[in-house]
Amino acid sequence: MTDKRDNSGIIYKNPDKTPDNKFPEYKGEATIDGKDYWISAWVKDGAKGKFFSIAYKAKQAPAKQPAFEDRLADDQTPF
């Protein structure tokens, strides 16, 4: 997110959404209490009219893989 104000976020219309899939109509990102999250939003109909159903998923750094040499040292292959 370019604007890193805490407890705020932004969503955009999802170009991958089609009538045939369950992808969110909107997606984006937010920063909450200093942590980054992905946002997904679906437009739904309710008793009081249309509303957004929103889900947040924590952004996580990809797991760091050990160096090639470390993987060889841990290898338990019997041959």
PDB file of N, CA and C in Angstrom:
ATOM      1  N   MET A   1       0.846  -1.163   0.000  1.00  0.00           N
ATOM      2  CA  MET A   1       0.000   0.000   0.000  1.00  0.00           C
ATOM      3  C   MET A   1       0.893   1.227   0.000  1.00  0.00           C
ATOM      4  N   THR A   2       0.618   2.170  -0.840  1.00  0.00           N
ATOM      5  CA  THR A   2       1.474   3.346  -0.909  1.00  0.00           C
ATOM      6  C   THR A   2       1.276   4.270   0.285  1.00  0.00           C
ATOM      7  N   ASP A   3       0.062   4.395   0.776  1.00  0.00           N
ATOM      8  CA  ASP A   3      -0.227   5.251   1.924  1.00  0.00           C
ATOM      9  C   ASP A   3      -0.339   4.359   3.153  1.00  0.00           C
ATOM     10  N   LYS A   4       0.667   4.381   4.026  1.00  0.00           N
ATOM     11  CA  LYS A   4       0.727   3.451   5.147  1.00  0.00           C
ATOM     12  C   LYS A   4       0.117   4.018   6.426  1.00  0.00           C
ATOM     13  N   ARG A   5      -1.001   4.752   6.350  1.00  0.00           N
ATOM     14  CA  ARG A   5      -1.650   5.229   7.560  1.00  0.00           C
ATOM     15  C   ARG A   5      -2.223   4.045   8.313  1.00  0.00           C
ATOM     16  N   ASP A   6      -1.961   4.001   9.605  1.00  0.00           N
ATOM     17  CA  ASP A   6      -2.436   2.889  10.425  1.00  0.00           C
ATOM     18  C   ASP A   6      -3.959   2.914  10.522  1.00  0.00           C
ATOM     19  N   ASN A   7      -4.534   1.728  10.623  1.00  0.00           N
ATOM     20  CA  ASN A   7      -5.980   1.535  10.744  1.00  0.00           C
ATOM     21  C   ASN A   7      -6.742   2.107   9.554  1.00  0.00           C
ATOM     22  N   SER A   8      -6.165   1.928   8.366  1.00  0.00           N
ATOM     23  CA  SER A   8      -6.839   2.351   7.146  1.00  0.00           C
ATOM     24  C   SER A   8      -6.478   1.399   6.015  1.00  0.00           C
ATOM     25  N   GLY A   9      -7.252   1.467   4.950  1.00  0.00           N
ATOM     26  CA  GLY A   9      -6.976   0.604   3.812  1.00  0.00           C
ATOM     27  C   GLY A   9      -7.653   1.119   2.571  1.00  0.00           C
ATOM     28  N   ILE A  10      -7.553   0.334   1.495  1.00  0.00           N
ATOM     29  CA  ILE A  10      -8.117   0.723   0.213  1.00  0.00           C
ATOM     30  C   ILE A  10      -8.534  -0.544  -0.527  1.00  0.00           C
ATOM     31  N   ILE A  11      -9.647  -0.463  -1.256  1.00  0.00           N
ATOM     32  CA  ILE A  11     -10.091  -1.589  -2.074  1.00  0.00           C
ATOM     33  C   ILE A  11     -10.377  -1.103  -3.490  1.00  0.00           C
ATOM     34  N   TYR A  12     -10.216  -2.011  -4.438  1.00  0.00           N
ATOM     35  CA  TYR A  12     -10.460  -1.740  -5.853  1.00  0.00           C
ATOM     36  C   TYR A  12     -11.377  -2.818  -6.414  1.00  0.00           C
ATOM     37  N   LYS A  13     -12.064  -2.510  -7.500  1.00  0.00           N
ATOM     38  CA  LYS A  13     -12.874  -3.502  -8.198  1.00  0.00           C
ATOM     39  C   LYS A  13     -11.954  -4.607  -8.699  1.00  0.00           C
ATOM     40  N   ASN A  14     -12.349  -5.849  -8.507  1.00  0.00           N
ATOM     41  CA  ASN A  14     -11.541  -7.007  -8.877  1.00  0.00           C
ATOM     42  C   ASN A  14     -11.757  -7.353 -10.356  1.00  0.00           C
ATOM     43  N   PRO A  15     -10.726  -7.208 -11.198  1.00  0.00           N
ATOM     44  CA  PRO A  15     -10.891  -7.501 -12.625  1.00  0.00           C
ATOM     45  C   PRO A  15     -11.044  -8.997 -12.917  1.00  0.00           C
ATOM     46  N   ASP A  16     -10.712  -9.855 -11.947  1.00  0.00           N
ATOM     47  CA  ASP A  16     -10.815 -11.305 -12.149  1.00  0.00           C
ATOM     48  C   ASP A  16     -12.202 -11.854 -11.823  1.00  0.00           C
ATOM     49  N   LYS A  17     -13.083 -11.024 -11.292  1.00  0.00           N
ATOM     50  CA  LYS A  17     -14.425 -11.464 -10.922  1.00  0.00           C
ATOM     51  C   LYS A  17     -15.267 -11.682 -12.167  1.00  0.00           C
ATOM     52  N   THR A  18     -15.940 -12.843 -12.219  1.00  0.00           N
ATOM     53  CA  THR A  18     -16.905 -13.131 -13.283  1.00  0.00           C
ATOM     54  C   THR A  18     -18.185 -13.623 -12.615  1.00  0.00           C
ATOM     55  N   PRO A  19     -19.291 -13.631 -13.329  1.00  0.00           N
ATOM     56  CA  PRO A  19     -20.534 -14.146 -12.734  1.00  0.00           C
ATOM     57  C   PRO A  19     -20.442 -15.627 -12.364  1.00  0.00           C
ATOM     58  N   ASP A  20     -19.492 -16.343 -12.960  1.00  0.00           N
ATOM     59  CA  ASP A  20     -19.383 -17.789 -12.737  1.00  0.00           C
ATOM     60  C   ASP A  20     -18.458 -18.183 -11.588  1.00  0.00           C
ATOM     61  N   ASN A  21     -17.728 -17.225 -10.983  1.00  0.00           N
ATOM     62  CA  ASN A  21     -16.824 -17.614  -9.905  1.00  0.00           C
ATOM     63  C   ASN A  21     -17.212 -16.915  -8.601  1.00  0.00           C
ATOM     64  N   LYS A  22     -16.620 -17.348  -7.519  1.00  0.00           N
ATOM     65  CA  LYS A  22     -16.924 -16.785  -6.205  1.00  0.00           C
ATOM     66  C   LYS A  22     -15.847 -15.808  -5.744  1.00  0.00           C
ATOM     67  N   PHE A  23     -15.074 -15.297  -6.674  1.00  0.00           N
ATOM     68  CA  PHE A  23     -14.045 -14.318  -6.327  1.00  0.00           C
ATOM     69  C   PHE A  23     -14.712 -13.086  -5.723  1.00  0.00           C
ATOM     70  N   PRO A  24     -14.003 -12.350  -4.881  1.00  0.00           N
ATOM     71  CA  PRO A  24     -14.587 -11.121  -4.334  1.00  0.00           C
ATOM     72  C   PRO A  24     -14.764 -10.067  -5.421  1.00  0.00           C
ATOM     73  N   GLU A  25     -15.822  -9.239  -5.279  1.00  0.00           N
ATOM     74  CA  GLU A  25     -16.034  -8.152  -6.233  1.00  0.00           C
ATOM     75  C   GLU A  25     -14.967  -7.071  -6.082  1.00  0.00           C
ATOM     76  N   TYR A  26     -14.457  -6.920  -4.863  1.00  0.00           N
ATOM     77  CA  TYR A  26     -13.431  -5.920  -4.570  1.00  0.00           C
ATOM     78  C   TYR A  26     -12.309  -6.575  -3.789  1.00  0.00           C
ATOM     79  N   LYS A  27     -11.093  -6.077  -3.970  1.00  0.00           N
ATOM     80  CA  LYS A  27      -9.967  -6.553  -3.175  1.00  0.00           C
ATOM     81  C   LYS A  27      -8.986  -5.410  -2.969  1.00  0.00           C
ATOM     82  N   GLY A  28      -8.174  -5.533  -1.939  1.00  0.00           N
ATOM     83  CA  GLY A  28      -7.228  -4.468  -1.643  1.00  0.00           C
ATOM     84  C   GLY A  28      -6.364  -4.832  -0.453  1.00  0.00           C
ATOM     85  N   GLU A  29      -5.929  -3.806   0.284  1.00  0.00           N
ATOM     86  CA  GLU A  29      -5.052  -4.032   1.422  1.00  0.00           C
ATOM     87  C   GLU A  29      -5.268  -2.973   2.484  1.00  0.00           C
ATOM     88  N   ALA A  30      -4.868  -3.307   3.713  1.00  0.00           N
ATOM     89  CA  ALA A  30      -5.023  -2.393   4.842  1.00  0.00           C
ATOM     90  C   ALA A  30      -3.872  -2.585   5.813  1.00  0.00           C
ATOM     91  N   THR A  31      -3.653  -1.570   6.634  1.00  0.00           N
ATOM     92  CA  THR A  31      -2.702  -1.655   7.743  1.00  0.00           C
ATOM     93  C   THR A  31      -3.505  -1.445   9.021  1.00  0.00           C
ATOM     94  N   ILE A  32      -3.476  -2.443   9.903  1.00  0.00           N
ATOM     95  CA  ILE A  32      -4.220  -2.397  11.156  1.00  0.00           C
ATOM     96  C   ILE A  32      -3.263  -2.703  12.294  1.00  0.00           C
ATOM     97  N   ASP A  33      -3.158  -1.781  13.235  1.00  0.00           N
ATOM     98  CA  ASP A  33      -2.215  -1.911  14.359  1.00  0.00           C
ATOM     99  C   ASP A  33      -0.804  -2.229  13.876  1.00  0.00           C
ATOM    100  N   GLY A  34      -0.405  -1.596  12.786  1.00  0.00           N
ATOM    101  CA  GLY A  34       0.942  -1.759  12.257  1.00  0.00           C
ATOM    102  C   GLY A  34       1.180  -3.026  11.459  1.00  0.00           C
ATOM    103  N   LYS A  35       0.159  -3.865  11.281  1.00  0.00           N
ATOM    104  CA  LYS A  35       0.298  -5.111  10.521  1.00  0.00           C
ATOM    105  C   LYS A  35      -0.465  -4.989   9.210  1.00  0.00           C
ATOM    106  N   ASP A  36       0.071  -5.591   8.153  1.00  0.00           N
ATOM    107  CA  ASP A  36      -0.525  -5.500   6.826  1.00  0.00           C
ATOM    108  C   ASP A  36      -1.471  -6.674   6.573  1.00  0.00           C
ATOM    109  N   TYR A  37      -2.604  -6.357   5.934  1.00  0.00           N
ATOM    110  CA  TYR A  37      -3.636  -7.353   5.636  1.00  0.00           C
ATOM    111  C   TYR A  37      -4.111  -7.200   4.200  1.00  0.00           C
ATOM    112  N   TRP A  38      -4.537  -8.331   3.610  1.00  0.00           N
ATOM    113  CA  TRP A  38      -5.259  -8.323   2.346  1.00  0.00           C
ATOM    114  C   TRP A  38      -6.732  -8.167   2.687  1.00  0.00           C
ATOM    115  N   ILE A  39      -7.498  -7.449   1.841  1.00  0.00           N
ATOM    116  CA  ILE A  39      -8.932  -7.279   2.034  1.00  0.00           C
ATOM    117  C   ILE A  39      -9.656  -7.888   0.844  1.00  0.00           C
ATOM    118  N   SER A  40     -10.728  -8.635   1.125  1.00  0.00           N
ATOM    119  CA  SER A  40     -11.628  -9.135   0.093  1.00  0.00           C
ATOM    120  C   SER A  40     -13.033  -8.667   0.464  1.00  0.00           C
ATOM    121  N   ALA A  41     -13.806  -8.205  -0.529  1.00  0.00           N
ATOM    122  CA  ALA A  41     -15.161  -7.715  -0.251  1.00  0.00           C
ATOM    123  C   ALA A  41     -16.130  -8.219  -1.313  1.00  0.00           C
ATOM    124  N   TRP A  42     -17.274  -8.694  -0.841  1.00  0.00           N
ATOM    125  CA  TRP A  42     -18.343  -9.178  -1.699  1.00  0.00           C
ATOM    126  C   TRP A  42     -19.568  -8.302  -1.489  1.00  0.00           C
ATOM    127  N   VAL A  43     -20.294  -7.991  -2.554  1.00  0.00           N
ATOM    128  CA  VAL A  43     -21.546  -7.248  -2.446  1.00  0.00           C
ATOM    129  C   VAL A  43     -22.664  -8.273  -2.264  1.00  0.00           C
ATOM    130  N   LYS A  44     -23.462  -8.094  -1.197  1.00  0.00           N
ATOM    131  CA  LYS A  44     -24.544  -9.040  -0.902  1.00  0.00           C
ATOM    132  C   LYS A  44     -25.842  -8.278  -0.700  1.00  0.00           C
ATOM    133  N   ASP A  45     -26.955  -9.003  -0.817  1.00  0.00           N
ATOM    134  CA  ASP A  45     -28.277  -8.434  -0.558  1.00  0.00           C
ATOM    135  C   ASP A  45     -28.755  -8.899   0.804  1.00  0.00           C
ATOM    136  N   GLY A  46     -29.288  -7.973   1.597  1.00  0.00           N
ATOM    137  CA  GLY A  46     -29.809  -8.303   2.914  1.00  0.00           C
ATOM    138  C   GLY A  46     -31.174  -7.685   3.127  1.00  0.00           C
ATOM    139  N   ALA A  47     -31.715  -7.877   4.312  1.00  0.00           N
ATOM    140  CA  ALA A  47     -33.035  -7.361   4.642  1.00  0.00           C
ATOM    141  C   ALA A  47     -33.094  -5.840   4.544  1.00  0.00           C
ATOM    142  N   LYS A  48     -31.981  -5.166   4.787  1.00  0.00           N
ATOM    143  CA  LYS A  48     -31.935  -3.701   4.738  1.00  0.00           C
ATOM    144  C   LYS A  48     -31.328  -3.179   3.438  1.00  0.00           C
ATOM    145  N   GLY A  49     -31.128  -4.049   2.467  1.00  0.00           N
ATOM    146  CA  GLY A  49     -30.561  -3.636   1.185  1.00  0.00           C
ATOM    147  C   GLY A  49     -29.181  -4.232   0.961  1.00  0.00           C
ATOM    148  N   LYS A  50     -28.446  -3.696   0.000  1.00  0.00           N
ATOM    149  CA  LYS A  50     -27.110  -4.203  -0.340  1.00  0.00           C
ATOM    150  C   LYS A  50     -26.099  -3.807   0.733  1.00  0.00           C
ATOM    151  N   PHE A  51     -25.108  -4.695   0.922  1.00  0.00           N
ATOM    152  CA  PHE A  51     -24.044  -4.419   1.892  1.00  0.00           C
ATOM    153  C   PHE A  51     -22.777  -5.124   1.446  1.00  0.00           C
ATOM    154  N   PHE A  52     -21.654  -4.758   2.050  1.00  0.00           N
ATOM    155  CA  PHE A  52     -20.377  -5.424   1.803  1.00  0.00           C
ATOM    156  C   PHE A  52     -20.142  -6.481   2.874  1.00  0.00           C
ATOM    157  N   SER A  53     -19.756  -7.654   2.463  1.00  0.00           N
ATOM    158  CA  SER A  53     -19.236  -8.678   3.363  1.00  0.00           C
ATOM    159  C   SER A  53     -17.721  -8.644   3.172  1.00  0.00           C
ATOM    160  N   ILE A  54     -16.971  -8.406   4.248  1.00  0.00           N
ATOM    161  CA  ILE A  54     -15.535  -8.148   4.142  1.00  0.00           C
ATOM    162  C   ILE A  54     -14.737  -9.185   4.920  1.00  0.00           C
ATOM    163  N   ALA A  55     -13.625  -9.628   4.333  1.00  0.00           N
ATOM    164  CA  ALA A  55     -12.708 -10.560   4.990  1.00  0.00           C
ATOM    165  C   ALA A  55     -11.304  -9.976   4.956  1.00  0.00           C
ATOM    166  N   TYR A  56     -10.567 -10.178   6.038  1.00  0.00           N
ATOM    167  CA  TYR A  56      -9.181  -9.728   6.147  1.00  0.00           C
ATOM    168  C   TYR A  56      -8.290 -10.954   6.301  1.00  0.00           C
ATOM    169  N   LYS A  57      -7.151 -10.942   5.623  1.00  0.00           N
ATOM    170  CA  LYS A  57      -6.177 -12.030   5.746  1.00  0.00           C
ATOM    171  C   LYS A  57      -4.802 -11.408   5.936  1.00  0.00           C
ATOM    172  N   ALA A  58      -4.107 -11.822   6.991  1.00  0.00           N
ATOM    173  CA  ALA A  58      -2.792 -11.254   7.287  1.00  0.00           C
ATOM    174  C   ALA A  58      -1.823 -11.533   6.142  1.00  0.00           C
ATOM    175  N   LYS A  59      -1.092 -10.493   5.738  1.00  0.00           N
ATOM    176  CA  LYS A  59      -0.013 -10.681   4.771  1.00  0.00           C
ATOM    177  C   LYS A  59       1.135 -11.306   5.538  1.00  0.00           C
ATOM    178  N   GLN A  60       1.701 -12.332   4.988  1.00  0.00           N
ATOM    179  CA  GLN A  60       2.828 -12.971   5.651  1.00  0.00           C
ATOM    180  C   GLN A  60       3.992 -13.034   4.681  1.00  0.00           C
ATOM    181  N   ALA A  61       5.173 -12.785   5.220  1.00  0.00           N
ATOM    182  CA  ALA A  61       6.377 -12.900   4.397  1.00  0.00           C
ATOM    183  C   ALA A  61       6.537 -14.363   3.991  1.00  0.00           C
ATOM    184  N   PRO A  62       6.991 -14.619   2.776  1.00  0.00           N
ATOM    185  CA  PRO A  62       7.201 -16.010   2.372  1.00  0.00           C
ATOM    186  C   PRO A  62       8.234 -16.674   3.282  1.00  0.00           C
ATOM    187  N   ALA A  63       7.998 -17.932   3.575  1.00  0.00           N
ATOM    188  CA  ALA A  63       8.921 -18.664   4.435  1.00  0.00           C
ATOM    189  C   ALA A  63      10.299 -18.709   3.784  1.00  0.00           C
ATOM    190  N   LYS A  64      11.315 -18.411   4.559  1.00  0.00           N
ATOM    191  CA  LYS A  64      12.678 -18.411   4.033  1.00  0.00           C
ATOM    192  C   LYS A  64      13.164 -19.850   3.935  1.00  0.00           C
ATOM    193  N   GLN A  65      13.622 -20.227   2.760  1.00  0.00           N
ATOM    194  CA  GLN A  65      14.155 -21.566   2.569  1.00  0.00           C
ATOM    195  C   GLN A  65      15.615 -21.578   2.991  1.00  0.00           C
ATOM    196  N   PRO A  66      16.062 -22.679   3.594  1.00  0.00           N
ATOM    197  CA  PRO A  66      17.474 -22.758   3.953  1.00  0.00           C
ATOM    198  C   PRO A  66      18.360 -22.767   2.708  1.00  0.00           C
ATOM    199  N   ALA A  67      19.580 -22.337   2.873  1.00  0.00           N
ATOM    200  CA  ALA A  67      20.534 -22.331   1.769  1.00  0.00           C
ATOM    201  C   ALA A  67      20.728 -23.751   1.254  1.00  0.00           C
ATOM    202  N   PHE A  68      21.144 -23.871  -0.007  1.00  0.00           N
ATOM    203  CA  PHE A  68      21.314 -25.180  -0.629  1.00  0.00           C
ATOM    204  C   PHE A  68      22.252 -26.067   0.198  1.00  0.00           C
ATOM    205  N   GLU A  69      23.344 -25.494   0.692  1.00  0.00           N
ATOM    206  CA  GLU A  69      24.306 -26.271   1.476  1.00  0.00           C
ATOM    207  C   GLU A  69      23.669 -26.794   2.767  1.00  0.00           C
ATOM    208  N   ASP A  70      22.806 -25.982   3.393  1.00  0.00           N
ATOM    209  CA  ASP A  70      22.132 -26.408   4.622  1.00  0.00           C
ATOM    210  C   ASP A  70      21.151 -27.534   4.344  1.00  0.00           C
ATOM    211  N   ARG A  71      20.496 -27.479   3.182  1.00  0.00           N
ATOM    212  CA  ARG A  71      19.565 -28.556   2.836  1.00  0.00           C
ATOM    213  C   ARG A  71      20.328 -29.852   2.606  1.00  0.00           C
ATOM    214  N   LEU A  72      21.520 -29.765   2.010  1.00  0.00           N
ATOM    215  CA  LEU A  72      22.324 -30.972   1.800  1.00  0.00           C
ATOM    216  C   LEU A  72      22.772 -31.561   3.134  1.00  0.00           C
ATOM    217  N   ALA A  73      23.141 -30.707   4.094  1.00  0.00           N
ATOM    218  CA  ALA A  73      23.599 -31.196   5.404  1.00  0.00           C
ATOM    219  C   ALA A  73      22.462 -31.879   6.158  1.00  0.00           C
ATOM    220  N   ASP A  74      21.212 -31.425   5.941  1.00  0.00           N
ATOM    221  CA  ASP A  74      20.058 -32.008   6.639  1.00  0.00           C
ATOM    222  C   ASP A  74      19.480 -33.212   5.911  1.00  0.00           C
ATOM    223  N   ASP A  75      19.970 -33.477   4.710  1.00  0.00           N
ATOM    224  CA  ASP A  75      19.419 -34.560   3.896  1.00  0.00           C
ATOM    225  C   ASP A  75      19.699 -35.899   4.555  1.00  0.00           C
ATOM    226  N   GLN A  76      18.669 -36.693   4.737  1.00  0.00           N
ATOM    227  CA  GLN A  76      18.791 -38.011   5.349  1.00  0.00           C
ATOM    228  C   GLN A  76      18.666 -39.128   4.316  1.00  0.00           C
ATOM    229  N   THR A  77      18.926 -38.811   3.057  1.00  0.00           N
ATOM    230  CA  THR A  77      18.817 -39.804   2.000  1.00  0.00           C
ATOM    231  C   THR A  77      19.876 -40.891   2.219  1.00  0.00           C
ATOM    232  N   PRO A  78      19.471 -42.187   2.194  1.00  0.00           N
ATOM    233  CA  PRO A  78      20.392 -43.265   2.519  1.00  0.00           C
ATOM    234  C   PRO A  78      21.390 -43.614   1.422  1.00  0.00           C
ATOM    235  N   PHE A  79      21.366 -42.976   0.289  1.00  0.00           N
ATOM    236  CA  PHE A  79      22.322 -43.353  -0.760  1.00  0.00           C
ATOM    237  C   PHE A  79      23.361 -42.293  -0.977  1.00  0.00           C
TER     238      PHE A  79
END
